[in-house]
Amino acid sequence: MPMWFQALMPKEERFFDLFNRHARTIVDGSETLSTLLYGGTTVRDACHKVMDFENLADAITRDVLILTRRSFITPFDRSDIKQLITSLDDAIDQMQKTAKAILLFEVETFEPQMQQMGDIIVQAAKLTADAAALLGLFRQQASRLNGITEEIIRLEEVADGLQNTGIKALYTKHRDGNAMAFIVGTEIYDHLEKVMDRFEDVANCISGIVIEQA
């Protein structure tokens, strides 16, 4: 095989390395988000750290998209690669939006259900990283990947329940008092729930890849 042709052949491991790096960045962002939801004087700094992680993830996303265009052969369908990296990036984008809302409304204390949702977001992020680590062997690891995606979807349902319970508690707490606190609280809940929705999108994307490549 001519050397010039070998140079055009893909380094498939580069895609999987980038997926892994992005997923690990998501874990870092989720842990920072979870920490800030426990309040205190470090909330503002933690919000900015979430934004820093989002910027790192954006750079990895660009690398994946460039590699997709330049690779002669890809490990699986190009559209699936783009959908996967986009859904991964959407998850940390939504974390950034949550952090921006917290800064905008100058929130420094958070409801217990918000903190529990933050913990669930960390669980979903770590499961996503587990799945990313298996993508290089997606055919051999199909059963494990399906199990991970099912667990992420289950966690999203748990988060939905926490959001509903939290908003009800927030209404009871503020119905005779601070309406703005209720409005701001529901906004934070909405952002957190959307983070989990984005993880569900990632799970569905991975599940689709496994089905198509089986």
N, C-alpha and C. Protein backbone atom coordinates (compact mmCIF):
# COMPACT_ATOMS: atom_id res chain seq x y z
N MET A 1 0.86 -1.20 0.00
CA MET A 1 0.00 0.00 0.00
C MET A 1 0.89 1.25 0.00
N PRO A 2 0.68 2.18 -0.93
CA PRO A 2 1.50 3.38 -0.99
C PRO A 2 1.43 4.18 0.30
N MET A 3 2.52 4.85 0.65
CA MET A 3 2.57 5.60 1.89
C MET A 3 1.56 6.74 1.90
N TRP A 4 1.35 7.37 0.73
CA TRP A 4 0.41 8.48 0.71
C TRP A 4 -1.01 8.02 0.99
N PHE A 5 -1.32 6.78 0.54
CA PHE A 5 -2.66 6.25 0.79
C PHE A 5 -2.82 5.88 2.27
N GLN A 6 -1.74 5.33 2.86
CA GLN A 6 -1.80 5.01 4.29
C GLN A 6 -2.05 6.26 5.11
N ALA A 7 -1.49 7.38 4.66
CA ALA A 7 -1.67 8.64 5.40
C ALA A 7 -3.13 9.09 5.41
N LEU A 8 -3.86 8.67 4.35
CA LEU A 8 -5.28 9.02 4.29
C LEU A 8 -6.16 8.12 5.14
N MET A 9 -5.64 6.96 5.49
CA MET A 9 -6.44 6.02 6.27
C MET A 9 -6.67 6.57 7.67
N PRO A 10 -7.82 6.32 8.22
CA PRO A 10 -8.18 6.95 9.50
C PRO A 10 -7.43 6.34 10.66
N LYS A 11 -7.22 7.13 11.66
CA LYS A 11 -6.76 6.64 12.94
C LYS A 11 -8.02 6.55 13.81
N GLU A 12 -8.71 5.42 13.74
CA GLU A 12 -10.01 5.32 14.40
C GLU A 12 -9.91 5.58 15.89
N GLU A 13 -8.77 5.23 16.48
CA GLU A 13 -8.64 5.42 17.91
C GLU A 13 -8.72 6.90 18.27
N ARG A 14 -8.45 7.80 17.32
CA ARG A 14 -8.53 9.23 17.61
C ARG A 14 -9.97 9.63 17.91
N PHE A 15 -10.93 9.07 17.18
CA PHE A 15 -12.33 9.37 17.48
C PHE A 15 -12.68 8.94 18.90
N PHE A 16 -12.29 7.74 19.26
CA PHE A 16 -12.66 7.22 20.58
C PHE A 16 -11.92 7.96 21.69
N ASP A 17 -10.69 8.38 21.41
CA ASP A 17 -9.96 9.19 22.38
C ASP A 17 -10.67 10.52 22.60
N LEU A 18 -11.15 11.13 21.54
CA LEU A 18 -11.85 12.40 21.66
C LEU A 18 -13.18 12.24 22.38
N PHE A 19 -13.90 11.16 22.08
CA PHE A 19 -15.14 10.90 22.82
C PHE A 19 -14.86 10.75 24.31
N ASN A 20 -13.80 10.02 24.63
CA ASN A 20 -13.42 9.83 26.04
C ASN A 20 -13.05 11.15 26.70
N ARG A 21 -12.28 11.96 26.02
CA ARG A 21 -11.87 13.25 26.59
C ARG A 21 -13.08 14.14 26.82
N HIS A 22 -14.00 14.14 25.87
CA HIS A 22 -15.20 14.96 26.03
C HIS A 22 -16.02 14.47 27.22
N ALA A 23 -16.20 13.16 27.31
CA ALA A 23 -17.00 12.60 28.40
C ALA A 23 -16.36 12.89 29.76
N ARG A 24 -15.03 12.82 29.84
CA ARG A 24 -14.36 13.13 31.10
C ARG A 24 -14.53 14.61 31.46
N THR A 25 -14.55 15.46 30.45
CA THR A 25 -14.79 16.89 30.69
C THR A 25 -16.21 17.10 31.22
N ILE A 26 -17.16 16.33 30.69
CA ILE A 26 -18.53 16.40 31.18
C ILE A 26 -18.59 15.99 32.65
N VAL A 27 -17.85 14.95 33.01
CA VAL A 27 -17.81 14.53 34.42
C VAL A 27 -17.27 15.66 35.29
N ASP A 28 -16.20 16.29 34.85
CA ASP A 28 -15.63 17.41 35.61
C ASP A 28 -16.65 18.54 35.77
N GLY A 29 -17.34 18.85 34.69
CA GLY A 29 -18.35 19.90 34.76
C GLY A 29 -19.49 19.54 35.68
N SER A 30 -19.93 18.28 35.62
CA SER A 30 -21.05 17.84 36.45
C SER A 30 -20.69 17.86 37.94
N GLU A 31 -19.47 17.45 38.26
CA GLU A 31 -19.04 17.45 39.66
C GLU A 31 -18.95 18.88 40.20
N THR A 32 -18.50 19.80 39.36
CA THR A 32 -18.43 21.20 39.77
C THR A 32 -19.83 21.77 39.96
N LEU A 33 -20.73 21.44 39.04
CA LEU A 33 -22.13 21.88 39.17
C LEU A 33 -22.76 21.34 40.44
N SER A 34 -22.54 20.06 40.71
CA SER A 34 -23.10 19.45 41.92
C SER A 34 -22.56 20.13 43.18
N THR A 35 -21.27 20.41 43.19
CA THR A 35 -20.66 21.07 44.35
C THR A 35 -21.27 22.44 44.61
N LEU A 36 -21.47 23.21 43.55
CA LEU A 36 -21.98 24.57 43.75
C LEU A 36 -23.42 24.55 44.25
N LEU A 37 -24.16 23.48 43.95
CA LEU A 37 -25.55 23.40 44.41
C LEU A 37 -25.67 23.20 45.92
N TYR A 38 -24.54 22.94 46.56
CA TYR A 38 -24.55 22.87 48.03
C TYR A 38 -24.24 24.23 48.64
N GLY A 39 -24.12 25.26 47.80
CA GLY A 39 -24.06 26.64 48.24
C GLY A 39 -22.74 27.04 48.87
N GLY A 40 -22.77 28.22 49.48
CA GLY A 40 -21.57 28.74 50.12
C GLY A 40 -20.92 29.85 49.32
N THR A 41 -19.75 30.23 49.77
CA THR A 41 -19.06 31.38 49.18
C THR A 41 -18.38 31.06 47.86
N THR A 42 -18.30 29.78 47.50
CA THR A 42 -17.59 29.40 46.28
C THR A 42 -18.52 29.23 45.07
N VAL A 43 -19.79 29.58 45.22
CA VAL A 43 -20.75 29.37 44.13
C VAL A 43 -20.31 30.10 42.86
N ARG A 44 -19.95 31.36 42.99
CA ARG A 44 -19.57 32.14 41.81
C ARG A 44 -18.36 31.53 41.10
N ASP A 45 -17.34 31.19 41.86
CA ASP A 45 -16.14 30.60 41.27
C ASP A 45 -16.46 29.27 40.59
N ALA A 46 -17.33 28.47 41.23
CA ALA A 46 -17.70 27.18 40.65
C ALA A 46 -18.46 27.36 39.34
N CYS A 47 -19.32 28.37 39.28
CA CYS A 47 -20.05 28.66 38.04
C CYS A 47 -19.07 28.95 36.90
N HIS A 48 -18.05 29.73 37.19
CA HIS A 48 -17.06 30.05 36.16
C HIS A 48 -16.25 28.81 35.77
N LYS A 49 -16.02 27.91 36.72
CA LYS A 49 -15.32 26.67 36.39
C LYS A 49 -16.16 25.81 35.44
N VAL A 50 -17.47 25.76 35.67
CA VAL A 50 -18.35 25.03 34.75
C VAL A 50 -18.21 25.60 33.34
N MET A 51 -18.17 26.91 33.24
CA MET A 51 -18.02 27.55 31.94
C MET A 51 -16.68 27.22 31.30
N ASP A 52 -15.64 27.14 32.11
CA ASP A 52 -14.33 26.76 31.58
C ASP A 52 -14.35 25.34 31.01
N PHE A 53 -15.01 24.43 31.72
CA PHE A 53 -15.11 23.06 31.22
C PHE A 53 -15.93 23.02 29.93
N GLU A 54 -16.94 23.87 29.83
CA GLU A 54 -17.74 23.91 28.61
C GLU A 54 -16.90 24.37 27.43
N ASN A 55 -16.01 25.33 27.67
CA ASN A 55 -15.11 25.79 26.61
C ASN A 55 -14.17 24.68 26.16
N LEU A 56 -13.65 23.91 27.11
CA LEU A 56 -12.80 22.76 26.77
C LEU A 56 -13.57 21.75 25.91
N ALA A 57 -14.81 21.50 26.30
CA ALA A 57 -15.64 20.54 25.57
C ALA A 57 -15.92 21.03 24.15
N ASP A 58 -16.13 22.33 23.99
CA ASP A 58 -16.36 22.90 22.66
C ASP A 58 -15.15 22.65 21.75
N ALA A 59 -13.96 22.81 22.31
CA ALA A 59 -12.75 22.59 21.50
C ALA A 59 -12.64 21.13 21.06
N ILE A 60 -13.00 20.20 21.95
CA ILE A 60 -12.97 18.78 21.58
C ILE A 60 -14.02 18.49 20.52
N THR A 61 -15.18 19.10 20.65
CA THR A 61 -16.23 18.92 19.65
C THR A 61 -15.76 19.37 18.27
N ARG A 62 -15.09 20.51 18.23
CA ARG A 62 -14.56 21.00 16.94
C ARG A 62 -13.55 20.01 16.37
N ASP A 63 -12.71 19.43 17.23
CA ASP A 63 -11.73 18.46 16.75
C ASP A 63 -12.41 17.23 16.14
N VAL A 64 -13.49 16.79 16.77
CA VAL A 64 -14.22 15.63 16.24
C VAL A 64 -14.81 15.95 14.87
N LEU A 65 -15.43 17.11 14.75
CA LEU A 65 -16.06 17.49 13.49
C LEU A 65 -15.03 17.64 12.38
N ILE A 66 -13.88 18.21 12.71
CA ILE A 66 -12.79 18.33 11.72
C ILE A 66 -12.30 16.96 11.30
N LEU A 67 -12.09 16.08 12.29
CA LEU A 67 -11.61 14.73 12.00
C LEU A 67 -12.62 13.96 11.15
N THR A 68 -13.89 14.19 11.39
CA THR A 68 -14.93 13.52 10.60
C THR A 68 -14.85 13.92 9.13
N ARG A 69 -14.57 15.19 8.90
CA ARG A 69 -14.47 15.66 7.51
C ARG A 69 -13.21 15.15 6.83
N ARG A 70 -12.14 15.00 7.60
CA ARG A 70 -10.85 14.67 6.99
C ARG A 70 -10.59 13.17 6.90
N SER A 71 -11.33 12.37 7.62
CA SER A 71 -11.07 10.92 7.63
C SER A 71 -11.64 10.26 6.39
N PHE A 72 -10.87 9.36 5.83
CA PHE A 72 -11.32 8.62 4.65
C PHE A 72 -12.38 7.59 5.04
N ILE A 73 -12.14 6.94 6.18
CA ILE A 73 -13.08 5.95 6.71
C ILE A 73 -13.30 6.29 8.18
N THR A 74 -14.54 6.19 8.63
CA THR A 74 -14.86 6.46 10.03
C THR A 74 -15.33 5.17 10.71
N PRO A 75 -15.21 5.09 12.05
CA PRO A 75 -15.55 3.84 12.74
C PRO A 75 -17.03 3.47 12.64
N PHE A 76 -17.87 4.48 12.53
CA PHE A 76 -19.28 4.23 12.21
C PHE A 76 -19.79 5.44 11.44
N ASP A 77 -21.05 5.44 11.09
CA ASP A 77 -21.61 6.43 10.17
C ASP A 77 -21.28 7.86 10.60
N ARG A 78 -20.91 8.70 9.65
CA ARG A 78 -20.53 10.08 9.94
C ARG A 78 -21.65 10.84 10.64
N SER A 79 -22.87 10.62 10.19
CA SER A 79 -23.98 11.34 10.80
C SER A 79 -24.15 10.92 12.27
N ASP A 80 -23.87 9.65 12.57
CA ASP A 80 -23.96 9.19 13.95
C ASP A 80 -22.85 9.81 14.81
N ILE A 81 -21.67 9.95 14.21
CA ILE A 81 -20.56 10.59 14.94
C ILE A 81 -20.93 12.03 15.27
N LYS A 82 -21.46 12.75 14.29
CA LYS A 82 -21.84 14.15 14.51
C LYS A 82 -22.96 14.25 15.54
N GLN A 83 -23.92 13.34 15.46
CA GLN A 83 -25.02 13.37 16.43
C GLN A 83 -24.53 13.07 17.83
N LEU A 84 -23.61 12.12 17.96
CA LEU A 84 -23.10 11.75 19.27
C LEU A 84 -22.32 12.90 19.90
N ILE A 85 -21.39 13.48 19.16
CA ILE A 85 -20.57 14.54 19.75
C ILE A 85 -21.42 15.78 20.02
N THR A 86 -22.42 16.01 19.19
CA THR A 86 -23.32 17.15 19.42
C THR A 86 -24.16 16.94 20.67
N SER A 87 -24.67 15.73 20.86
CA SER A 87 -25.48 15.45 22.05
C SER A 87 -24.62 15.51 23.32
N LEU A 88 -23.38 15.03 23.24
CA LEU A 88 -22.47 15.16 24.37
C LEU A 88 -22.24 16.64 24.69
N ASP A 89 -22.00 17.42 23.66
CA ASP A 89 -21.73 18.84 23.87
C ASP A 89 -22.96 19.58 24.39
N ASP A 90 -24.13 19.16 23.95
CA ASP A 90 -25.36 19.78 24.44
C ASP A 90 -25.52 19.59 25.95
N ALA A 91 -25.05 18.45 26.47
CA ALA A 91 -25.17 18.19 27.91
C ALA A 91 -24.37 19.20 28.72
N ILE A 92 -23.13 19.44 28.32
CA ILE A 92 -22.33 20.40 29.09
C ILE A 92 -22.72 21.84 28.75
N ASP A 93 -23.25 22.07 27.55
CA ASP A 93 -23.79 23.39 27.24
C ASP A 93 -24.92 23.74 28.20
N GLN A 94 -25.75 22.75 28.49
CA GLN A 94 -26.87 23.01 29.40
C GLN A 94 -26.38 23.23 30.83
N MET A 95 -25.29 22.56 31.21
CA MET A 95 -24.69 22.86 32.52
C MET A 95 -24.23 24.30 32.56
N GLN A 96 -23.63 24.77 31.47
CA GLN A 96 -23.19 26.16 31.41
C GLN A 96 -24.38 27.12 31.54
N LYS A 97 -25.48 26.81 30.87
CA LYS A 97 -26.67 27.65 30.96
C LYS A 97 -27.20 27.69 32.39
N THR A 98 -27.11 26.55 33.07
CA THR A 98 -27.53 26.51 34.48
C THR A 98 -26.66 27.42 35.32
N ALA A 99 -25.35 27.33 35.11
CA ALA A 99 -24.42 28.18 35.85
C ALA A 99 -24.66 29.66 35.56
N LYS A 100 -24.94 29.99 34.30
CA LYS A 100 -25.21 31.38 33.94
C LYS A 100 -26.47 31.90 34.64
N ALA A 101 -27.50 31.05 34.72
CA ALA A 101 -28.73 31.45 35.40
C ALA A 101 -28.48 31.69 36.89
N ILE A 102 -27.67 30.83 37.49
CA ILE A 102 -27.34 30.99 38.91
C ILE A 102 -26.60 32.30 39.15
N LEU A 103 -25.68 32.64 38.25
CA LEU A 103 -24.96 33.91 38.37
C LEU A 103 -25.90 35.09 38.14
N LEU A 104 -26.76 34.97 37.14
CA LEU A 104 -27.67 36.05 36.80
C LEU A 104 -28.58 36.40 37.97
N PHE A 105 -29.12 35.37 38.61
CA PHE A 105 -30.06 35.59 39.71
C PHE A 105 -29.38 35.67 41.08
N GLU A 106 -28.03 35.57 41.07
CA GLU A 106 -27.24 35.69 42.29
C GLU A 106 -27.72 34.71 43.37
N VAL A 107 -27.93 33.47 42.95
CA VAL A 107 -28.40 32.43 43.88
C VAL A 107 -27.19 31.85 44.62
N GLU A 108 -27.32 31.75 45.94
CA GLU A 108 -26.22 31.21 46.74
C GLU A 108 -26.67 30.05 47.63
N THR A 109 -27.97 29.87 47.77
CA THR A 109 -28.49 28.73 48.53
C THR A 109 -29.48 27.97 47.65
N PHE A 110 -29.53 26.65 47.82
CA PHE A 110 -30.30 25.81 46.93
C PHE A 110 -31.14 24.81 47.72
N GLU A 111 -32.24 24.42 47.10
CA GLU A 111 -33.18 23.49 47.74
C GLU A 111 -32.61 22.07 47.74
N PRO A 112 -33.02 21.24 48.70
CA PRO A 112 -32.51 19.86 48.77
C PRO A 112 -32.71 19.07 47.48
N GLN A 113 -33.88 19.26 46.84
CA GLN A 113 -34.13 18.52 45.60
C GLN A 113 -33.20 18.96 44.47
N MET A 114 -32.80 20.23 44.49
CA MET A 114 -31.82 20.69 43.50
C MET A 114 -30.49 19.98 43.71
N GLN A 115 -30.10 19.85 44.97
CA GLN A 115 -28.85 19.17 45.30
C GLN A 115 -28.91 17.71 44.89
N GLN A 116 -30.07 17.08 45.11
CA GLN A 116 -30.22 15.68 44.70
C GLN A 116 -30.18 15.55 43.18
N MET A 117 -30.76 16.50 42.48
CA MET A 117 -30.68 16.47 41.02
C MET A 117 -29.23 16.64 40.56
N GLY A 118 -28.48 17.48 41.26
CA GLY A 118 -27.06 17.63 40.94
C GLY A 118 -26.31 16.33 41.11
N ASP A 119 -26.62 15.60 42.18
CA ASP A 119 -25.98 14.30 42.40
C ASP A 119 -26.32 13.32 41.29
N ILE A 120 -27.57 13.35 40.83
CA ILE A 120 -28.00 12.46 39.75
C ILE A 120 -27.30 12.84 38.44
N ILE A 121 -27.11 14.13 38.22
CA ILE A 121 -26.39 14.58 37.02
C ILE A 121 -24.98 14.01 37.02
N VAL A 122 -24.33 14.00 38.19
CA VAL A 122 -22.99 13.41 38.27
C VAL A 122 -23.04 11.92 37.93
N GLN A 123 -24.04 11.21 38.44
CA GLN A 123 -24.17 9.79 38.12
C GLN A 123 -24.33 9.58 36.62
N ALA A 124 -25.18 10.39 36.01
CA ALA A 124 -25.40 10.26 34.57
C ALA A 124 -24.13 10.57 33.78
N ALA A 125 -23.38 11.57 34.24
CA ALA A 125 -22.14 11.93 33.56
C ALA A 125 -21.12 10.79 33.64
N LYS A 126 -21.02 10.17 34.82
CA LYS A 126 -20.07 9.06 34.97
C LYS A 126 -20.48 7.85 34.15
N LEU A 127 -21.78 7.60 34.06
CA LEU A 127 -22.25 6.52 33.20
C LEU A 127 -21.95 6.82 31.74
N THR A 128 -22.10 8.08 31.36
CA THR A 128 -21.77 8.49 30.00
C THR A 128 -20.29 8.26 29.70
N ALA A 129 -19.44 8.59 30.67
CA ALA A 129 -18.01 8.34 30.50
C ALA A 129 -17.72 6.84 30.39
N ASP A 130 -18.44 6.03 31.18
CA ASP A 130 -18.29 4.57 31.07
C ASP A 130 -18.65 4.10 29.67
N ALA A 131 -19.75 4.65 29.14
CA ALA A 131 -20.18 4.26 27.79
C ALA A 131 -19.16 4.69 26.75
N ALA A 132 -18.64 5.91 26.88
CA ALA A 132 -17.66 6.41 25.92
C ALA A 132 -16.42 5.52 25.89
N ALA A 133 -16.04 5.00 27.06
CA ALA A 133 -14.86 4.13 27.13
C ALA A 133 -15.08 2.80 26.44
N LEU A 134 -16.34 2.42 26.22
CA LEU A 134 -16.65 1.15 25.57
C LEU A 134 -16.92 1.28 24.08
N LEU A 135 -16.99 2.50 23.58
CA LEU A 135 -17.39 2.70 22.19
C LEU A 135 -16.41 2.08 21.20
N GLY A 136 -15.14 1.98 21.57
CA GLY A 136 -14.17 1.36 20.68
C GLY A 136 -14.43 -0.12 20.46
N LEU A 137 -15.23 -0.70 21.36
CA LEU A 137 -15.60 -2.12 21.24
C LEU A 137 -17.12 -2.25 21.26
N PHE A 138 -17.79 -1.35 20.55
CA PHE A 138 -19.24 -1.27 20.69
C PHE A 138 -19.97 -2.54 20.29
N ARG A 139 -19.41 -3.32 19.37
CA ARG A 139 -20.07 -4.57 19.00
C ARG A 139 -19.94 -5.60 20.12
N GLN A 140 -18.73 -5.74 20.66
CA GLN A 140 -18.50 -6.72 21.73
C GLN A 140 -19.17 -6.29 23.04
N GLN A 141 -19.32 -5.00 23.23
CA GLN A 141 -19.85 -4.47 24.48
C GLN A 141 -21.29 -3.98 24.36
N ALA A 142 -22.01 -4.50 23.37
CA ALA A 142 -23.38 -4.02 23.10
C ALA A 142 -24.28 -4.18 24.32
N SER A 143 -24.19 -5.33 24.99
CA SER A 143 -25.05 -5.58 26.14
C SER A 143 -24.76 -4.59 27.26
N ARG A 144 -23.48 -4.38 27.54
CA ARG A 144 -23.10 -3.43 28.59
C ARG A 144 -23.53 -2.01 28.23
N LEU A 145 -23.34 -1.63 26.99
CA LEU A 145 -23.75 -0.30 26.57
C LEU A 145 -25.26 -0.10 26.69
N ASN A 146 -26.01 -1.13 26.33
CA ASN A 146 -27.47 -1.04 26.47
C ASN A 146 -27.86 -0.89 27.94
N GLY A 147 -27.16 -1.60 28.82
CA GLY A 147 -27.44 -1.48 30.24
C GLY A 147 -27.16 -0.08 30.76
N ILE A 148 -26.08 0.51 30.29
CA ILE A 148 -25.72 1.87 30.72
C ILE A 148 -26.76 2.88 30.24
N THR A 149 -27.16 2.76 28.98
CA THR A 149 -28.13 3.72 28.45
C THR A 149 -29.48 3.59 29.16
N GLU A 150 -29.87 2.38 29.48
CA GLU A 150 -31.12 2.18 30.23
C GLU A 150 -31.05 2.83 31.61
N GLU A 151 -29.88 2.75 32.25
CA GLU A 151 -29.72 3.35 33.57
C GLU A 151 -29.77 4.88 33.49
N ILE A 152 -29.18 5.45 32.45
CA ILE A 152 -29.24 6.90 32.28
C ILE A 152 -30.69 7.35 32.10
N ILE A 153 -31.45 6.62 31.31
CA ILE A 153 -32.85 6.96 31.09
C ILE A 153 -33.63 6.83 32.40
N ARG A 154 -33.31 5.82 33.20
CA ARG A 154 -33.97 5.68 34.51
C ARG A 154 -33.66 6.86 35.41
N LEU A 155 -32.42 7.31 35.40
CA LEU A 155 -32.03 8.45 36.22
C LEU A 155 -32.75 9.72 35.77
N GLU A 156 -32.97 9.85 34.47
CA GLU A 156 -33.69 11.02 33.98
C GLU A 156 -35.11 11.04 34.54
N GLU A 157 -35.72 9.87 34.65
CA GLU A 157 -37.06 9.79 35.23
C GLU A 157 -37.04 10.14 36.71
N VAL A 158 -36.01 9.72 37.41
CA VAL A 158 -35.87 10.08 38.83
C VAL A 158 -35.73 11.59 38.97
N ALA A 159 -34.94 12.19 38.11
CA ALA A 159 -34.75 13.65 38.14
C ALA A 159 -36.07 14.37 37.88
N ASP A 160 -36.88 13.86 36.97
CA ASP A 160 -38.19 14.45 36.71
C ASP A 160 -39.03 14.46 37.98
N GLY A 161 -39.00 13.34 38.71
CA GLY A 161 -39.76 13.26 39.96
C GLY A 161 -39.26 14.26 40.99
N LEU A 162 -37.95 14.42 41.08
CA LEU A 162 -37.38 15.38 42.02
C LEU A 162 -37.76 16.81 41.64
N GLN A 163 -37.77 17.08 40.35
CA GLN A 163 -38.18 18.42 39.90
C GLN A 163 -39.62 18.71 40.33
N ASN A 164 -40.51 17.76 40.11
CA ASN A 164 -41.91 17.96 40.47
C ASN A 164 -42.07 18.15 41.98
N THR A 165 -41.40 17.30 42.75
CA THR A 165 -41.47 17.41 44.21
C THR A 165 -40.88 18.73 44.68
N GLY A 166 -39.76 19.12 44.07
CA GLY A 166 -39.10 20.35 44.46
C GLY A 166 -39.93 21.59 44.17
N ILE A 167 -40.56 21.63 42.99
CA ILE A 167 -41.39 22.78 42.64
C ILE A 167 -42.59 22.87 43.57
N LYS A 168 -43.18 21.75 43.93
CA LYS A 168 -44.30 21.74 44.87
C LYS A 168 -43.85 22.28 46.23
N ALA A 169 -42.70 21.83 46.70
CA ALA A 169 -42.17 22.31 47.99
C ALA A 169 -41.85 23.80 47.91
N LEU A 170 -41.34 24.24 46.77
CA LEU A 170 -41.00 25.65 46.58
C LEU A 170 -42.26 26.51 46.62
N TYR A 171 -43.33 26.02 46.00
CA TYR A 171 -44.60 26.74 46.01
C TYR A 171 -45.14 26.86 47.44
N THR A 172 -45.11 25.76 48.17
CA THR A 172 -45.59 25.76 49.55
C THR A 172 -44.78 26.73 50.40
N LYS A 173 -43.49 26.78 50.16
CA LYS A 173 -42.59 27.64 50.94
C LYS A 173 -42.83 29.12 50.67
N HIS A 174 -43.17 29.47 49.42
CA HIS A 174 -43.21 30.89 49.04
C HIS A 174 -44.59 31.38 48.64
N ARG A 175 -45.63 30.58 48.77
CA ARG A 175 -46.93 31.00 48.25
C ARG A 175 -47.49 32.21 48.98
N ASP A 176 -47.08 32.44 50.22
CA ASP A 176 -47.56 33.60 50.97
C ASP A 176 -46.47 34.65 51.14
N GLY A 177 -45.40 34.51 50.35
CA GLY A 177 -44.29 35.42 50.58
C GLY A 177 -43.59 35.87 49.32
N ASN A 178 -42.38 35.34 49.11
CA ASN A 178 -41.48 35.84 48.06
C ASN A 178 -41.75 35.17 46.72
N ALA A 179 -42.54 35.83 45.88
CA ALA A 179 -42.87 35.26 44.57
C ALA A 179 -41.64 35.16 43.68
N MET A 180 -40.73 36.12 43.79
CA MET A 180 -39.53 36.10 42.95
C MET A 180 -38.66 34.89 43.28
N ALA A 181 -38.59 34.52 44.56
CA ALA A 181 -37.81 33.35 44.94
C ALA A 181 -38.40 32.09 44.30
N PHE A 182 -39.73 32.03 44.20
CA PHE A 182 -40.37 30.89 43.54
C PHE A 182 -40.04 30.87 42.05
N ILE A 183 -40.12 32.03 41.42
CA ILE A 183 -39.84 32.11 39.98
C ILE A 183 -38.39 31.70 39.69
N VAL A 184 -37.46 32.23 40.47
CA VAL A 184 -36.05 31.90 40.27
C VAL A 184 -35.81 30.42 40.53
N GLY A 185 -36.42 29.90 41.59
CA GLY A 185 -36.25 28.48 41.91
C GLY A 185 -36.74 27.57 40.80
N THR A 186 -37.91 27.89 40.23
CA THR A 186 -38.44 27.05 39.15
C THR A 186 -37.53 27.13 37.91
N GLU A 187 -36.91 28.30 37.72
CA GLU A 187 -35.96 28.45 36.60
C GLU A 187 -34.76 27.53 36.78
N ILE A 188 -34.23 27.46 37.99
CA ILE A 188 -33.09 26.59 38.26
C ILE A 188 -33.49 25.13 38.08
N TYR A 189 -34.66 24.76 38.59
CA TYR A 189 -35.15 23.39 38.40
C TYR A 189 -35.26 23.06 36.92
N ASP A 190 -35.78 24.00 36.14
CA ASP A 190 -35.95 23.76 34.71
C ASP A 190 -34.60 23.51 34.03
N HIS A 191 -33.59 24.28 34.39
CA HIS A 191 -32.27 24.09 33.81
C HIS A 191 -31.69 22.73 34.19
N LEU A 192 -31.83 22.35 35.44
CA LEU A 192 -31.29 21.06 35.89
C LEU A 192 -31.99 19.90 35.19
N GLU A 193 -33.30 20.02 35.03
CA GLU A 193 -34.05 18.97 34.34
C GLU A 193 -33.61 18.86 32.88
N LYS A 194 -33.30 19.99 32.26
CA LYS A 194 -32.84 19.98 30.87
C LYS A 194 -31.47 19.33 30.74
N VAL A 195 -30.62 19.48 31.76
CA VAL A 195 -29.34 18.78 31.73
C VAL A 195 -29.57 17.27 31.62
N MET A 196 -30.49 16.77 32.43
CA MET A 196 -30.78 15.33 32.38
C MET A 196 -31.43 14.93 31.06
N ASP A 197 -32.24 15.81 30.50
CA ASP A 197 -32.81 15.54 29.17
C ASP A 197 -31.71 15.35 28.14
N ARG A 198 -30.67 16.16 28.25
CA ARG A 198 -29.56 16.06 27.29
C ARG A 198 -28.80 14.75 27.48
N PHE A 199 -28.66 14.29 28.72
CA PHE A 199 -28.03 12.99 28.94
C PHE A 199 -28.90 11.87 28.37
N GLU A 200 -30.21 12.02 28.45
CA GLU A 200 -31.10 11.03 27.83
C GLU A 200 -30.89 11.01 26.32
N ASP A 201 -30.68 12.19 25.72
CA ASP A 201 -30.40 12.26 24.28
C ASP A 201 -29.11 11.50 23.95
N VAL A 202 -28.08 11.66 24.79
CA VAL A 202 -26.83 10.93 24.59
C VAL A 202 -27.08 9.43 24.64
N ALA A 203 -27.85 9.01 25.65
CA ALA A 203 -28.15 7.58 25.81
C ALA A 203 -28.87 7.04 24.59
N ASN A 204 -29.84 7.78 24.10
CA ASN A 204 -30.59 7.33 22.92
C ASN A 204 -29.70 7.26 21.69
N CYS A 205 -28.77 8.21 21.57
CA CYS A 205 -27.84 8.21 20.43
C CYS A 205 -26.93 6.98 20.49
N ILE A 206 -26.37 6.69 21.66
CA ILE A 206 -25.50 5.52 21.80
C ILE A 206 -26.28 4.23 21.53
N SER A 207 -27.48 4.17 22.05
CA SER A 207 -28.32 2.99 21.81
C SER A 207 -28.59 2.80 20.32
N GLY A 208 -28.83 3.88 19.62
CA GLY A 208 -29.07 3.80 18.18
C GLY A 208 -27.85 3.31 17.42
N ILE A 209 -26.68 3.77 17.83
CA ILE A 209 -25.44 3.32 17.18
C ILE A 209 -25.25 1.81 17.38
N VAL A 210 -25.48 1.36 18.60
CA VAL A 210 -25.33 -0.07 18.90
C VAL A 210 -26.28 -0.90 18.06
N ILE A 211 -27.53 -0.44 17.92
CA ILE A 211 -28.52 -1.18 17.14
C ILE A 211 -28.12 -1.22 15.66
N GLU A 212 -27.70 -0.08 15.13
CA GLU A 212 -27.35 0.00 13.72
C GLU A 212 -26.11 -0.84 13.38
N GLN A 213 -25.17 -0.93 14.32
CA GLN A 213 -23.91 -1.60 14.04
C GLN A 213 -23.91 -3.08 14.45
N ALA A 214 -25.01 -3.52 15.04
CA ALA A 214 -25.07 -4.92 15.51
C ALA A 214 -25.00 -5.89 14.33
